[in-house]
Amino acid sequence: MQTTQKINELLSKNYNSNISILGTHQASIYTSILDTDNGTIFIASNYHLFSFKDQDRNYWLTVIKPFNENGKEYHPKLDDLYTSNNGIKYRFTTREIIVAMAIEYFEKHTKS
């Protein structure tokens, strides 16, 4: 199944009340699904940037263009790990892996 189909399926499920969905993947530039109990979130933006943050504040992002922090330019590559000054860890990976993580997490919160 293609990534877009997987995202649409993920966003179309009936979830418990702690799960909030913002936007639709086909009609919105920015779509997210959030667990309001612990802050776990999946974001799909512009079909290019995908991210997943778990309750421990670990982030997984698709590989993006270079970014600046503290006057230094970073050029992330696939599987790189970056830790910001505030201790948040960012792992750069593929959108397929991020979507799979979101599916695995949010499937646990579907209504029976």
N, C-alpha and C. Protein backbone atom coordinates (compact mmCIF):
# COMPACT_ATOMS: atom_id res chain seq x y z
N MET A 1 0.85 -1.18 0.00
CA MET A 1 0.00 0.00 0.00
C MET A 1 0.90 1.24 0.00
N GLN A 2 0.55 2.23 -0.80
CA GLN A 2 1.34 3.45 -0.88
C GLN A 2 1.22 4.27 0.40
N THR A 3 2.22 5.10 0.64
CA THR A 3 2.25 5.93 1.84
C THR A 3 1.01 6.81 1.96
N THR A 4 0.58 7.42 0.88
CA THR A 4 -0.60 8.29 0.91
C THR A 4 -1.83 7.50 1.33
N GLN A 5 -1.99 6.30 0.82
CA GLN A 5 -3.13 5.46 1.19
C GLN A 5 -3.08 5.09 2.67
N LYS A 6 -1.88 4.78 3.16
CA LYS A 6 -1.72 4.43 4.57
C LYS A 6 -2.09 5.62 5.46
N ILE A 7 -1.68 6.81 5.07
CA ILE A 7 -2.00 8.01 5.85
C ILE A 7 -3.50 8.25 5.85
N ASN A 8 -4.12 8.15 4.69
CA ASN A 8 -5.57 8.35 4.61
C ASN A 8 -6.32 7.33 5.46
N GLU A 9 -5.87 6.09 5.45
CA GLU A 9 -6.50 5.07 6.28
C GLU A 9 -6.32 5.37 7.76
N LEU A 10 -5.12 5.78 8.13
CA LEU A 10 -4.83 6.15 9.52
C LEU A 10 -5.75 7.28 9.99
N LEU A 11 -5.95 8.27 9.15
CA LEU A 11 -6.74 9.44 9.52
C LEU A 11 -8.24 9.18 9.48
N SER A 12 -8.66 8.09 8.86
CA SER A 12 -10.09 7.82 8.72
C SER A 12 -10.66 6.90 9.80
N LYS A 13 -9.82 6.42 10.69
CA LYS A 13 -10.28 5.50 11.73
C LYS A 13 -11.06 6.24 12.81
N ASN A 14 -11.83 5.48 13.55
CA ASN A 14 -12.60 6.00 14.67
C ASN A 14 -11.78 5.77 15.94
N TYR A 15 -11.30 6.86 16.55
CA TYR A 15 -10.39 6.77 17.69
C TYR A 15 -11.07 7.08 19.01
N ASN A 16 -10.41 6.67 20.09
CA ASN A 16 -10.85 7.04 21.43
C ASN A 16 -10.81 8.56 21.57
N SER A 17 -11.44 9.08 22.60
CA SER A 17 -11.58 10.53 22.76
C SER A 17 -10.26 11.27 22.99
N ASN A 18 -9.20 10.58 23.37
CA ASN A 18 -7.91 11.25 23.59
C ASN A 18 -7.14 11.52 22.29
N ILE A 19 -7.66 11.07 21.16
CA ILE A 19 -6.98 11.26 19.87
C ILE A 19 -7.70 12.34 19.08
N SER A 20 -6.93 13.35 18.65
CA SER A 20 -7.48 14.45 17.85
C SER A 20 -6.82 14.46 16.49
N ILE A 21 -7.63 14.67 15.45
CA ILE A 21 -7.13 14.75 14.08
C ILE A 21 -7.39 16.15 13.57
N LEU A 22 -6.36 16.78 13.01
CA LEU A 22 -6.47 18.12 12.44
C LEU A 22 -6.13 18.04 10.97
N GLY A 23 -7.08 18.39 10.11
CA GLY A 23 -6.87 18.38 8.67
C GLY A 23 -7.13 17.01 8.06
N THR A 24 -7.13 17.00 6.74
CA THR A 24 -7.22 15.75 5.99
C THR A 24 -6.05 15.73 5.03
N HIS A 25 -5.47 14.60 4.87
CA HIS A 25 -4.24 14.52 4.08
C HIS A 25 -4.45 14.93 2.62
N GLN A 26 -5.61 14.67 2.07
CA GLN A 26 -5.85 15.00 0.67
C GLN A 26 -6.17 16.48 0.47
N ALA A 27 -6.83 17.10 1.45
CA ALA A 27 -7.29 18.48 1.26
C ALA A 27 -6.44 19.52 2.00
N SER A 28 -5.60 19.12 2.91
CA SER A 28 -4.84 20.07 3.72
C SER A 28 -3.35 19.98 3.42
N ILE A 29 -2.69 21.09 3.55
CA ILE A 29 -1.23 21.11 3.44
C ILE A 29 -0.62 20.52 4.70
N TYR A 30 -1.27 20.74 5.82
CA TYR A 30 -0.78 20.30 7.13
C TYR A 30 -1.82 19.41 7.78
N THR A 31 -1.45 18.20 8.13
CA THR A 31 -2.34 17.25 8.78
C THR A 31 -1.63 16.67 9.99
N SER A 32 -2.36 16.52 11.08
CA SER A 32 -1.74 15.90 12.25
C SER A 32 -2.74 15.04 13.00
N ILE A 33 -2.21 14.11 13.74
CA ILE A 33 -3.00 13.28 14.63
C ILE A 33 -2.27 13.28 15.97
N LEU A 34 -2.99 13.63 17.03
CA LEU A 34 -2.40 13.91 18.34
C LEU A 34 -3.07 13.09 19.43
N ASP A 35 -2.24 12.54 20.31
CA ASP A 35 -2.74 11.92 21.53
C ASP A 35 -2.69 13.01 22.60
N THR A 36 -3.85 13.53 22.98
CA THR A 36 -3.90 14.66 23.91
C THR A 36 -3.52 14.24 25.34
N ASP A 37 -3.46 12.95 25.62
CA ASP A 37 -3.06 12.50 26.95
C ASP A 37 -1.56 12.64 27.19
N ASN A 38 -0.75 12.41 26.16
CA ASN A 38 0.70 12.41 26.39
C ASN A 38 1.52 13.18 25.36
N GLY A 39 0.87 13.80 24.38
CA GLY A 39 1.58 14.63 23.41
C GLY A 39 2.17 13.90 22.23
N THR A 40 1.96 12.60 22.12
CA THR A 40 2.44 11.87 20.94
C THR A 40 1.73 12.44 19.72
N ILE A 41 2.51 12.74 18.66
CA ILE A 41 1.91 13.38 17.49
C ILE A 41 2.58 12.91 16.20
N PHE A 42 1.76 12.76 15.18
CA PHE A 42 2.22 12.49 13.82
C PHE A 42 1.83 13.69 12.98
N ILE A 43 2.75 14.18 12.16
CA ILE A 43 2.49 15.34 11.30
C ILE A 43 2.92 15.02 9.88
N ALA A 44 2.05 15.35 8.93
CA ALA A 44 2.38 15.29 7.50
C ALA A 44 2.16 16.70 6.97
N SER A 45 3.20 17.28 6.40
CA SER A 45 3.12 18.66 5.93
C SER A 45 3.66 18.78 4.52
N ASN A 46 2.85 19.34 3.63
CA ASN A 46 3.25 19.59 2.24
C ASN A 46 3.72 18.35 1.50
N TYR A 47 3.35 17.18 1.94
CA TYR A 47 3.76 15.91 1.32
C TYR A 47 5.28 15.72 1.31
N HIS A 48 6.01 16.59 2.01
CA HIS A 48 7.47 16.50 2.03
C HIS A 48 8.00 16.25 3.43
N LEU A 49 7.45 16.96 4.40
CA LEU A 49 7.95 16.85 5.77
C LEU A 49 7.01 15.97 6.58
N PHE A 50 7.55 14.91 7.12
CA PHE A 50 6.79 14.01 7.97
C PHE A 50 7.52 13.92 9.30
N SER A 51 6.76 13.90 10.39
CA SER A 51 7.40 13.77 11.69
C SER A 51 6.53 12.98 12.64
N PHE A 52 7.18 12.40 13.63
CA PHE A 52 6.51 11.67 14.69
C PHE A 52 7.25 11.99 15.98
N LYS A 53 6.50 12.40 17.01
CA LYS A 53 7.09 12.68 18.33
C LYS A 53 6.42 11.77 19.33
N ASP A 54 7.23 11.07 20.12
CA ASP A 54 6.64 10.19 21.13
C ASP A 54 6.50 10.92 22.46
N GLN A 55 5.95 10.23 23.44
CA GLN A 55 5.69 10.86 24.74
C GLN A 55 6.97 11.21 25.49
N ASP A 56 8.10 10.68 25.08
CA ASP A 56 9.38 11.00 25.72
C ASP A 56 10.12 12.13 25.02
N ARG A 57 9.43 12.82 24.12
CA ARG A 57 9.95 13.97 23.37
C ARG A 57 11.07 13.59 22.40
N ASN A 58 11.04 12.37 21.91
CA ASN A 58 11.95 11.97 20.83
C ASN A 58 11.23 12.24 19.52
N TYR A 59 11.95 12.80 18.57
CA TYR A 59 11.36 13.15 17.27
C TYR A 59 12.02 12.34 16.17
N TRP A 60 11.21 11.96 15.19
CA TRP A 60 11.71 11.38 13.96
C TRP A 60 11.21 12.28 12.84
N LEU A 61 12.10 12.70 11.95
CA LEU A 61 11.77 13.61 10.86
C LEU A 61 12.27 13.06 9.55
N THR A 62 11.57 13.43 8.46
CA THR A 62 12.14 13.11 7.16
C THR A 62 13.36 14.01 6.96
N VAL A 63 14.27 13.54 6.13
CA VAL A 63 15.48 14.30 5.86
C VAL A 63 15.08 15.62 5.20
N ILE A 64 15.58 16.70 5.77
CA ILE A 64 15.23 18.03 5.28
C ILE A 64 16.47 18.76 4.79
N LYS A 65 16.25 19.95 4.33
CA LYS A 65 17.37 20.79 3.91
C LYS A 65 18.20 21.16 5.13
N PRO A 66 19.40 21.66 4.91
CA PRO A 66 20.22 22.08 6.05
C PRO A 66 19.47 23.09 6.93
N PHE A 67 19.79 23.07 8.22
CA PHE A 67 19.18 24.03 9.14
C PHE A 67 20.26 24.64 10.02
N ASN A 68 19.96 25.79 10.59
CA ASN A 68 20.89 26.49 11.46
C ASN A 68 20.43 26.41 12.90
N GLU A 69 21.39 26.21 13.79
CA GLU A 69 21.13 26.32 15.21
C GLU A 69 22.40 26.80 15.88
N ASN A 70 22.26 27.82 16.69
CA ASN A 70 23.39 28.43 17.40
C ASN A 70 24.49 28.87 16.45
N GLY A 71 24.09 29.42 15.30
CA GLY A 71 25.06 29.92 14.34
C GLY A 71 25.80 28.86 13.56
N LYS A 72 25.40 27.62 13.68
CA LYS A 72 26.06 26.52 13.00
C LYS A 72 25.08 25.88 12.03
N GLU A 73 25.54 25.53 10.83
CA GLU A 73 24.69 24.90 9.84
C GLU A 73 24.85 23.38 9.91
N TYR A 74 23.70 22.70 9.96
CA TYR A 74 23.68 21.24 10.01
C TYR A 74 23.10 20.70 8.71
N HIS A 75 23.71 19.62 8.21
CA HIS A 75 23.27 18.96 6.99
C HIS A 75 22.87 17.53 7.34
N PRO A 76 21.60 17.32 7.75
CA PRO A 76 21.20 15.98 8.18
C PRO A 76 21.15 14.98 7.03
N LYS A 77 21.50 13.75 7.37
CA LYS A 77 21.44 12.64 6.43
C LYS A 77 20.56 11.56 7.05
N LEU A 78 20.15 10.63 6.24
CA LEU A 78 19.33 9.53 6.70
C LEU A 78 19.98 8.83 7.89
N ASP A 79 19.21 8.60 8.94
CA ASP A 79 19.62 7.95 10.19
C ASP A 79 20.50 8.80 11.09
N ASP A 80 20.74 10.06 10.76
CA ASP A 80 21.47 10.95 11.66
C ASP A 80 20.65 11.20 12.92
N LEU A 81 21.34 11.41 14.02
CA LEU A 81 20.71 11.78 15.29
C LEU A 81 21.25 13.15 15.67
N TYR A 82 20.35 14.07 15.98
CA TYR A 82 20.74 15.41 16.40
C TYR A 82 20.07 15.69 17.74
N THR A 83 20.82 16.15 18.73
CA THR A 83 20.28 16.52 20.02
C THR A 83 20.38 18.03 20.17
N SER A 84 19.24 18.68 20.38
CA SER A 84 19.22 20.14 20.53
C SER A 84 19.72 20.53 21.92
N ASN A 85 19.94 21.82 22.11
CA ASN A 85 20.43 22.32 23.40
C ASN A 85 19.49 22.00 24.56
N ASN A 86 18.20 21.87 24.28
CA ASN A 86 17.24 21.56 25.35
C ASN A 86 17.04 20.06 25.54
N GLY A 87 17.87 19.24 24.90
CA GLY A 87 17.85 17.80 25.11
C GLY A 87 16.92 17.01 24.24
N ILE A 88 16.17 17.66 23.36
CA ILE A 88 15.27 16.94 22.46
C ILE A 88 16.11 16.26 21.38
N LYS A 89 15.81 14.98 21.15
CA LYS A 89 16.56 14.21 20.16
C LYS A 89 15.76 14.09 18.87
N TYR A 90 16.42 14.38 17.76
CA TYR A 90 15.81 14.31 16.44
C TYR A 90 16.55 13.24 15.64
N ARG A 91 15.79 12.27 15.11
CA ARG A 91 16.36 11.24 14.25
C ARG A 91 15.79 11.47 12.85
N PHE A 92 16.64 11.52 11.86
CA PHE A 92 16.22 11.75 10.48
C PHE A 92 16.06 10.40 9.79
N THR A 93 14.87 10.18 9.22
CA THR A 93 14.55 8.89 8.62
C THR A 93 13.61 9.09 7.43
N THR A 94 13.05 8.02 6.92
CA THR A 94 12.18 8.10 5.75
C THR A 94 10.72 8.30 6.16
N ARG A 95 9.93 8.79 5.23
CA ARG A 95 8.51 8.99 5.54
C ARG A 95 7.81 7.66 5.75
N GLU A 96 8.25 6.62 5.07
CA GLU A 96 7.64 5.30 5.24
C GLU A 96 7.81 4.79 6.67
N ILE A 97 8.98 4.99 7.23
CA ILE A 97 9.23 4.57 8.61
C ILE A 97 8.39 5.39 9.58
N ILE A 98 8.30 6.69 9.34
CA ILE A 98 7.51 7.56 10.21
C ILE A 98 6.03 7.18 10.15
N VAL A 99 5.51 6.94 8.97
CA VAL A 99 4.10 6.54 8.83
C VAL A 99 3.87 5.20 9.53
N ALA A 100 4.79 4.26 9.40
CA ALA A 100 4.66 2.97 10.07
C ALA A 100 4.64 3.14 11.59
N MET A 101 5.46 4.05 12.12
CA MET A 101 5.47 4.32 13.56
C MET A 101 4.13 4.89 14.01
N ALA A 102 3.59 5.81 13.22
CA ALA A 102 2.29 6.42 13.55
C ALA A 102 1.19 5.37 13.54
N ILE A 103 1.19 4.52 12.53
CA ILE A 103 0.17 3.47 12.44
C ILE A 103 0.27 2.55 13.65
N GLU A 104 1.47 2.12 13.97
CA GLU A 104 1.66 1.21 15.11
C GLU A 104 1.16 1.85 16.40
N TYR A 105 1.47 3.12 16.61
CA TYR A 105 1.06 3.79 17.85
C TYR A 105 -0.45 4.02 17.89
N PHE A 106 -1.00 4.67 16.87
CA PHE A 106 -2.39 5.10 16.92
C PHE A 106 -3.40 3.95 16.75
N GLU A 107 -2.97 2.83 16.17
CA GLU A 107 -3.86 1.67 16.05
C GLU A 107 -4.32 1.20 17.43
N LYS A 108 -3.50 1.39 18.45
CA LYS A 108 -3.83 0.99 19.81
C LYS A 108 -4.98 1.81 20.39
N HIS A 109 -5.31 2.92 19.74
CA HIS A 109 -6.31 3.85 20.27
C HIS A 109 -7.59 3.87 19.45
N THR A 110 -7.79 2.88 18.58
CA THR A 110 -9.02 2.82 17.80
C THR A 110 -10.14 2.23 18.67
N LYS A 111 -11.34 2.70 18.39
CA LYS A 111 -12.50 2.15 19.11
C LYS A 111 -12.83 0.78 18.54
N SER A 112 -13.20 -0.11 19.42
CA SER A 112 -13.53 -1.49 19.00
C SER A 112 -14.92 -1.56 18.41
